[in-house]
Protein backbone atom coordinates (compact mmCIF):
# COMPACT_ATOMS: atom_id res chain seq x y z
CA UNK A 1 17.33 6.13 36.09
CA UNK A 2 18.26 9.00 38.36
CA UNK A 3 21.88 9.96 38.80
CA UNK A 4 23.99 12.69 40.33
CA UNK A 5 27.63 13.55 39.81
CA UNK A 6 30.15 12.98 42.58
CA UNK A 7 30.87 16.71 42.37
CA UNK A 8 27.22 17.58 43.10
CA UNK A 9 27.23 15.12 46.00
CA UNK A 10 30.46 16.56 47.38
CA UNK A 11 29.20 20.14 47.12
CA UNK A 12 25.85 19.26 48.73
CA UNK A 13 27.17 17.20 51.67
CA UNK A 14 30.66 18.64 52.21
CA UNK A 15 29.64 20.36 55.43
CA UNK A 16 27.16 17.80 56.78
CA UNK A 17 29.52 14.85 56.32
CA UNK A 18 32.73 16.79 57.14
CA UNK A 19 34.16 15.84 53.75
CA UNK A 20 37.47 16.77 52.19
CA UNK A 21 38.80 15.80 48.76
CA UNK A 22 41.89 13.58 48.79
CA UNK A 23 42.33 13.08 45.03
CA UNK A 24 42.46 15.61 42.20
CA UNK A 25 39.32 17.69 41.44
CA UNK A 26 39.00 16.04 38.00
CA UNK A 27 38.04 12.75 39.69
CA UNK A 28 34.70 14.27 40.78
CA UNK A 29 33.25 13.92 37.28
CA UNK A 30 31.86 10.39 37.70
CA UNK A 31 28.19 9.75 38.40
CA UNK A 32 26.38 8.04 41.28
CA UNK A 33 23.33 6.07 40.17
CA UNK A 34 22.68 3.76 43.11
CA UNK A 35 20.91 4.62 46.40
CA UNK A 36 22.99 2.06 48.32
CA UNK A 37 26.33 2.13 50.13
CA UNK A 38 28.92 -0.65 50.16
CA UNK A 39 31.87 -1.66 52.34
CA UNK A 40 34.32 -3.49 50.03
CA UNK A 41 35.81 -5.95 52.49
CA UNK A 42 36.19 -9.01 50.21
CA UNK A 43 36.93 -6.84 47.18
CA UNK A 44 40.03 -5.48 48.92
CA UNK A 45 41.16 -9.08 49.41
CA UNK A 46 40.82 -9.74 45.67
CA UNK A 47 37.39 -11.40 45.50
CA UNK A 48 35.33 -9.39 42.99
CA UNK A 49 32.65 -11.88 41.91
CA UNK A 50 29.83 -10.24 43.88
CA UNK A 51 31.36 -6.79 44.30
CA UNK A 52 28.76 -3.98 44.10
CA UNK A 53 31.03 -1.59 42.21
CA UNK A 54 28.23 0.81 41.23
CA UNK A 55 27.72 1.88 44.86
CA UNK A 56 29.50 4.52 46.93
CA UNK A 57 32.29 2.66 48.74
CA UNK A 58 33.00 3.33 52.43
CA UNK A 59 36.28 2.36 54.04
CA UNK A 60 36.24 2.12 57.82
CA UNK A 61 38.97 1.35 60.31
CA UNK A 62 38.85 -2.39 59.54
CA UNK A 63 39.41 -1.87 55.80
CA UNK A 64 42.13 0.74 56.35
CA UNK A 65 44.07 -1.47 58.78
CA UNK A 66 43.83 -4.39 56.36
CA UNK A 67 45.22 -2.30 53.49
CA UNK A 68 48.05 -1.03 55.69
CA UNK A 69 48.98 -4.63 56.55
CA UNK A 70 49.39 -5.75 52.93
CA UNK A 71 52.69 -6.11 51.14
CA UNK A 72 53.12 -3.38 48.53
CA UNK A 73 52.76 -5.70 45.52
CA UNK A 74 49.55 -7.21 46.93
CA UNK A 75 48.25 -3.77 47.89
CA UNK A 76 48.80 -2.44 44.36
CA UNK A 77 47.37 -5.55 42.70
CA UNK A 78 44.18 -5.76 44.80
CA UNK A 79 43.54 -2.02 44.73
CA UNK A 80 44.10 -1.70 40.99
CA UNK A 81 41.74 -4.60 40.23
CA UNK A 82 39.03 -3.08 42.42
CA UNK A 83 39.46 0.42 40.97
CA UNK A 84 39.09 -0.97 37.44
CA UNK A 85 35.46 -1.88 38.34
CA UNK A 86 34.36 1.72 37.64
CA UNK A 87 33.62 2.79 41.22
CA UNK A 88 31.91 6.22 41.49
CA UNK A 89 33.81 7.28 44.63
CA UNK A 90 35.38 6.11 47.89
CA UNK A 91 34.85 7.72 51.30
CA UNK A 92 37.22 7.05 54.18
CA UNK A 93 35.72 7.49 57.65
CA UNK A 94 37.28 8.88 60.84
CA UNK A 95 39.79 10.94 58.85
CA UNK A 96 41.98 7.85 58.48
CA UNK A 97 44.96 7.84 56.13
CA UNK A 98 45.55 5.28 53.37
CA UNK A 99 48.94 4.32 51.91
CA UNK A 100 50.04 6.96 49.32
CA UNK A 101 50.02 4.41 46.50
CA UNK A 102 46.22 4.13 46.76
CA UNK A 103 45.81 7.85 46.22
CA UNK A 104 48.12 7.58 43.18
CA UNK A 105 46.03 4.73 41.73
CA UNK A 106 42.79 6.59 42.40
CA UNK A 107 44.03 9.63 40.48
CA UNK A 108 45.37 7.43 37.68
CA UNK A 109 42.06 5.54 37.27
CA UNK A 110 39.84 8.60 37.89
CA UNK A 111 38.31 7.41 41.18
CA UNK A 112 37.30 10.19 43.56
CA UNK A 113 38.57 9.59 47.08
CA UNK A 114 37.01 11.58 49.90
CA UNK A 115 37.78 11.72 53.60
CA UNK A 116 35.20 12.23 56.36
CA UNK A 117 35.75 12.95 60.04
CA UNK A 118 32.54 11.11 60.96
CA UNK A 119 32.60 7.63 62.46
CA UNK A 120 31.87 4.79 60.05
CA UNK A 121 28.39 4.11 61.46
CA UNK A 122 27.35 7.77 61.40
CA UNK A 123 28.77 8.23 57.92
CA UNK A 124 26.86 5.26 56.52
CA UNK A 125 23.63 6.35 58.22
CA UNK A 126 23.90 9.88 56.80
CA UNK A 127 24.80 8.53 53.35
CA UNK A 128 21.86 6.13 53.34
CA UNK A 129 19.37 8.86 54.27
CA UNK A 130 20.75 11.26 51.65
CA UNK A 131 20.93 8.72 48.83
CA UNK A 132 17.53 7.21 49.61
CA UNK A 133 16.05 10.70 49.44
CA UNK A 134 17.81 11.52 46.16
CA UNK A 135 16.86 8.27 44.44
CA UNK A 136 13.36 7.83 45.89
CA UNK A 137 10.60 6.84 43.48
CA UNK A 138 8.21 9.72 42.96
CA UNK A 139 5.28 11.00 40.96
CA UNK A 140 3.20 14.18 40.98
CA UNK A 141 -0.60 14.15 41.04
CA UNK A 142 -3.41 16.70 41.25
CA UNK A 143 -4.49 16.55 44.88
CA UNK A 144 -4.44 18.37 48.21
CA UNK A 145 -2.60 17.06 51.26
CA UNK A 146 -3.45 18.01 54.84
CA UNK A 147 -2.33 16.89 58.29
CA UNK A 148 -5.45 16.10 60.31
CA UNK A 149 -4.85 14.97 63.92
CA UNK A 150 -1.44 13.68 62.80
CA UNK A 151 -2.92 11.69 59.90
CA UNK A 152 -1.79 12.56 56.40
CA UNK A 153 -5.00 12.84 54.36
CA UNK A 154 -4.67 13.02 50.58
CA UNK A 155 -7.78 14.71 49.17
CA UNK A 156 -8.47 13.91 45.51
CA UNK A 157 -11.30 14.46 43.05
CA UNK A 158 -12.21 16.22 39.83
CA UNK A 159 -11.33 19.87 39.33
CA UNK A 160 -13.88 22.14 41.00
CA UNK A 161 -15.19 19.45 43.39
CA UNK A 162 -14.03 21.46 46.43
CA UNK A 163 -10.64 20.02 47.46
CA UNK A 164 -9.07 23.40 48.20
CA UNK A 165 -12.15 24.71 50.02
CA UNK A 166 -12.21 21.59 52.20
CA UNK A 167 -8.50 21.97 53.00
CA UNK A 168 -8.93 25.66 53.80
CA UNK A 169 -11.74 24.84 56.22
CA UNK A 170 -9.54 22.20 57.87
CA UNK A 171 -6.70 24.73 58.27
CA UNK A 172 -9.20 27.19 59.76
CA UNK A 173 -10.22 24.45 62.22
CA UNK A 174 -6.62 24.08 63.42
CA UNK A 175 -5.08 21.50 61.11
CA UNK A 176 -2.09 21.91 58.78
CA UNK A 177 -1.71 22.23 55.03
CA UNK A 178 1.08 20.37 53.26
CA UNK A 179 0.24 21.32 49.69
CA UNK A 180 -2.59 22.20 47.34
CA UNK A 181 -3.32 21.40 43.70
CA UNK A 182 -0.07 19.54 42.96
CA UNK A 183 1.37 16.96 45.37
CA UNK A 184 4.60 15.03 44.81
CA UNK A 185 4.41 11.50 46.19
CA UNK A 186 7.67 9.79 47.17
CA UNK A 187 8.48 6.25 48.29
CA UNK A 188 10.75 6.59 51.33
CA UNK A 189 11.56 3.98 53.99
CA UNK A 190 8.65 1.74 52.85
CA UNK A 191 6.22 4.64 53.30
CA UNK A 192 4.37 7.02 51.02
CA UNK A 193 5.43 10.60 51.72
CA UNK A 194 3.87 13.71 50.20
CA UNK A 195 5.24 17.20 49.68
CA UNK A 196 4.11 20.26 47.68
CA UNK A 197 4.55 19.84 43.93
CA UNK A 198 5.70 23.46 43.76
CA UNK A 199 8.45 24.92 45.90
CA UNK A 200 7.39 28.57 46.18
CA UNK A 201 5.09 28.54 49.21
CA UNK A 202 1.76 27.34 50.56
CA UNK A 203 -0.60 29.07 48.15
CA UNK A 204 -4.20 28.00 47.56
CA UNK A 205 -6.58 28.95 44.78
CA UNK A 206 -10.06 29.59 46.16
CA UNK A 207 -12.61 30.00 43.39
CA UNK A 208 -14.26 33.40 43.58
CA UNK A 209 -11.52 34.79 45.85
CA UNK A 210 -8.27 33.98 44.06
CA UNK A 211 -4.93 32.92 45.54
CA UNK A 212 -4.34 33.07 49.28
CA UNK A 213 -1.08 32.46 51.15
CA UNK A 214 -1.95 30.03 53.95
CA UNK A 215 1.40 30.43 55.72
CA UNK A 216 1.09 34.23 55.83
CA UNK A 217 -2.59 34.16 56.72
CA UNK A 218 -2.64 31.44 59.42
CA UNK A 219 1.02 31.20 60.48
CA UNK A 220 3.79 28.67 59.98
CA UNK A 221 2.22 26.34 62.56
CA UNK A 222 -0.58 25.68 60.05
CA UNK A 223 1.75 24.40 57.34
CA UNK A 224 3.97 21.35 56.86
CA UNK A 225 6.79 20.68 54.40
CA UNK A 226 6.26 16.92 54.14
CA UNK A 227 3.87 14.35 55.58
CA UNK A 228 3.52 10.59 55.54
CA UNK A 229 0.25 9.75 53.77
CA UNK A 230 -2.06 7.52 55.81
CA UNK A 231 -5.28 7.66 53.80
CA UNK A 232 -6.91 9.08 50.68
CA UNK A 233 -10.28 10.85 50.52
CA UNK A 234 -11.80 10.85 47.01
CA UNK A 235 -14.46 13.55 46.67
CA UNK A 236 -17.12 12.73 44.08
CA UNK A 237 -20.47 14.26 43.03
CA UNK A 238 -23.54 12.79 44.74
CA UNK A 239 -25.50 10.38 42.53
CA UNK A 240 -28.88 8.99 43.50
CA UNK A 241 -28.33 5.48 42.14
CA UNK A 242 -24.76 5.06 43.39
CA UNK A 243 -24.20 2.32 45.99
CA UNK A 244 -22.12 4.09 48.66
CA UNK A 245 -20.49 2.38 51.64
CA UNK A 246 -22.74 2.88 54.69
CA UNK A 247 -21.40 0.61 57.41
CA UNK A 248 -17.65 0.57 56.79
CA UNK A 249 -16.99 -3.17 56.90
CA UNK A 250 -15.71 -3.20 53.31
CA UNK A 251 -12.28 -1.56 53.24
CA UNK A 252 -11.04 -0.15 49.92
CA UNK A 253 -7.41 0.56 49.06
CA UNK A 254 -5.52 2.48 46.40
CA UNK A 255 -1.90 1.95 45.37
CA UNK A 256 0.70 4.67 44.79
CA UNK A 257 4.33 3.76 43.98
CA UNK A 258 3.71 0.24 45.26
CA UNK A 259 2.26 1.36 48.62
CA UNK A 260 -1.37 0.57 49.43
CA UNK A 261 -3.31 3.07 51.55
CA UNK A 262 -6.98 3.10 52.60
CA UNK A 263 -9.29 5.17 50.38
CA UNK A 264 -12.74 6.57 51.20
CA UNK A 265 -15.09 7.59 48.40
CA UNK A 266 -17.01 10.55 49.77
CA UNK A 267 -20.10 11.82 47.90
CA UNK A 268 -20.32 15.61 47.98
CA UNK A 269 -23.67 17.42 48.01
CA UNK A 270 -24.82 20.95 48.95
CA UNK A 271 -24.92 21.51 52.70
CA UNK A 272 -22.59 18.63 53.57
CA UNK A 273 -19.68 19.63 55.83
CA UNK A 274 -16.88 17.78 54.10
CA UNK A 275 -14.17 19.04 56.45
CA UNK A 276 -15.97 17.60 59.50
CA UNK A 277 -16.29 14.24 57.74
CA UNK A 278 -12.55 14.31 56.95
CA UNK A 279 -11.85 14.94 60.64
CA UNK A 280 -14.09 12.05 61.64
CA UNK A 281 -12.44 9.77 59.06
CA UNK A 282 -9.00 10.70 60.44
CA UNK A 283 -10.07 10.03 64.02
CA UNK A 284 -11.64 6.74 62.94
CA UNK A 285 -8.35 5.79 61.29
CA UNK A 286 -6.50 6.53 64.54
CA UNK A 287 -8.92 4.28 66.46
CA UNK A 288 -8.39 1.49 63.94
CA UNK A 289 -4.62 1.81 64.37
CA UNK A 290 -4.99 1.09 68.11
CA UNK A 291 -7.31 -1.88 67.54
CA UNK A 292 -10.83 -0.45 67.64
CA UNK A 293 -13.08 -0.70 64.57
CA UNK A 294 -16.47 1.00 64.98
CA UNK A 295 -18.00 -0.89 62.04
CA UNK A 296 -17.00 -4.26 63.49
CA UNK A 297 -18.19 -3.17 66.95
CA UNK A 298 -21.56 -2.11 65.53
CA UNK A 299 -21.85 -5.32 63.51
CA UNK A 300 -21.05 -7.43 66.57
CA UNK A 301 -23.66 -5.64 68.69
CA UNK A 302 -26.30 -6.07 65.96
CA UNK A 303 -25.60 -9.80 65.85
CA UNK A 304 -25.74 -9.98 69.65
CA UNK A 305 -29.11 -8.22 69.60
CA UNK A 306 -30.40 -10.63 66.96
CA UNK A 307 -29.22 -13.62 69.02
CA UNK A 308 -30.87 -12.22 72.15
CA UNK A 309 -34.17 -11.65 70.37
CA UNK A 310 -33.96 -15.09 68.74
CA UNK A 311 -33.29 -16.72 72.12
CA UNK A 312 -36.08 -14.73 73.77
CA UNK A 313 -38.51 -15.70 70.99
CA UNK A 314 -37.53 -19.36 71.36
CA UNK A 315 -38.07 -19.22 75.11
CA UNK A 316 -41.49 -17.62 74.64
CA UNK A 317 -42.43 -20.24 72.04
CA UNK A 318 -41.27 -23.06 74.34
CA UNK A 319 -43.27 -21.59 77.24
CA UNK A 320 -46.38 -21.27 75.07
CA UNK A 321 -45.97 -24.83 73.81
CA UNK A 322 -45.55 -26.11 77.37
CA UNK A 323 -48.67 -24.21 78.44
CA UNK A 324 -50.67 -25.65 75.55
CA UNK A 325 -49.57 -29.19 76.45
CA UNK A 326 -50.87 -28.71 79.97
């Protein structure tokens, strides 16, 4: 399971979340291992049966006013019981001030208490985005990822099949490269998002040429840092006896990190312009997203033509039969 220390979180988001440390620096040693945020309303009232203690706790104006209204003995009792649940840290929104005894208890039980000037809603939204990004499921695969007409196309296939060459041609045609060779897939906001598996630039290895820097060669407008993945294109050697999809009525899917995306198995042969086919596949995906499916349209028109010819044949047969009866 992933985890980060409260100190690392504080150092990383101190400026963005307008954070300041209320307790002693030693309290920053605990670890955060949950991507979720919690507001401990009932826990502050003493009900701890379903308290999500492992989460970052956020105290807004409602919680602060409630604590300020408690008698000192109740305040100490409820707060101590909650702090004993091994909370990673507490963040107070709007720069509000808690009774001094809570700060004393936090230091005594090693609970980091932070203060933020952000409103409660903004604070929770920023925390959710940051924690979801930190704790997102991820894996790294050998692939190339390009942005084609706004569609994230993951190009896969055996080494040497031409993934990089196809991506380079797409960049030359005006599209954008996200990453080549190694792509890190992440599950974020119920979507599959890809980014370069290496963090030192948009380099590509072109066999016979060597490494090229796409960003330097084509400009920053031809590169992307991340992209939601909409489809996968699996390049495979052409085989005579292989039964390839020709109409497109049968949709295939592949699953990454629990997310299913459409996959197209594209046979590669000499003289075939793979980059053009990738463009067409991306445009076809866009049409499907707005309700138009070319394969279904073609299939419907074929059936209409068959019905017309069948009806015409029946009418001709009926006319011939009527003529024979006369």
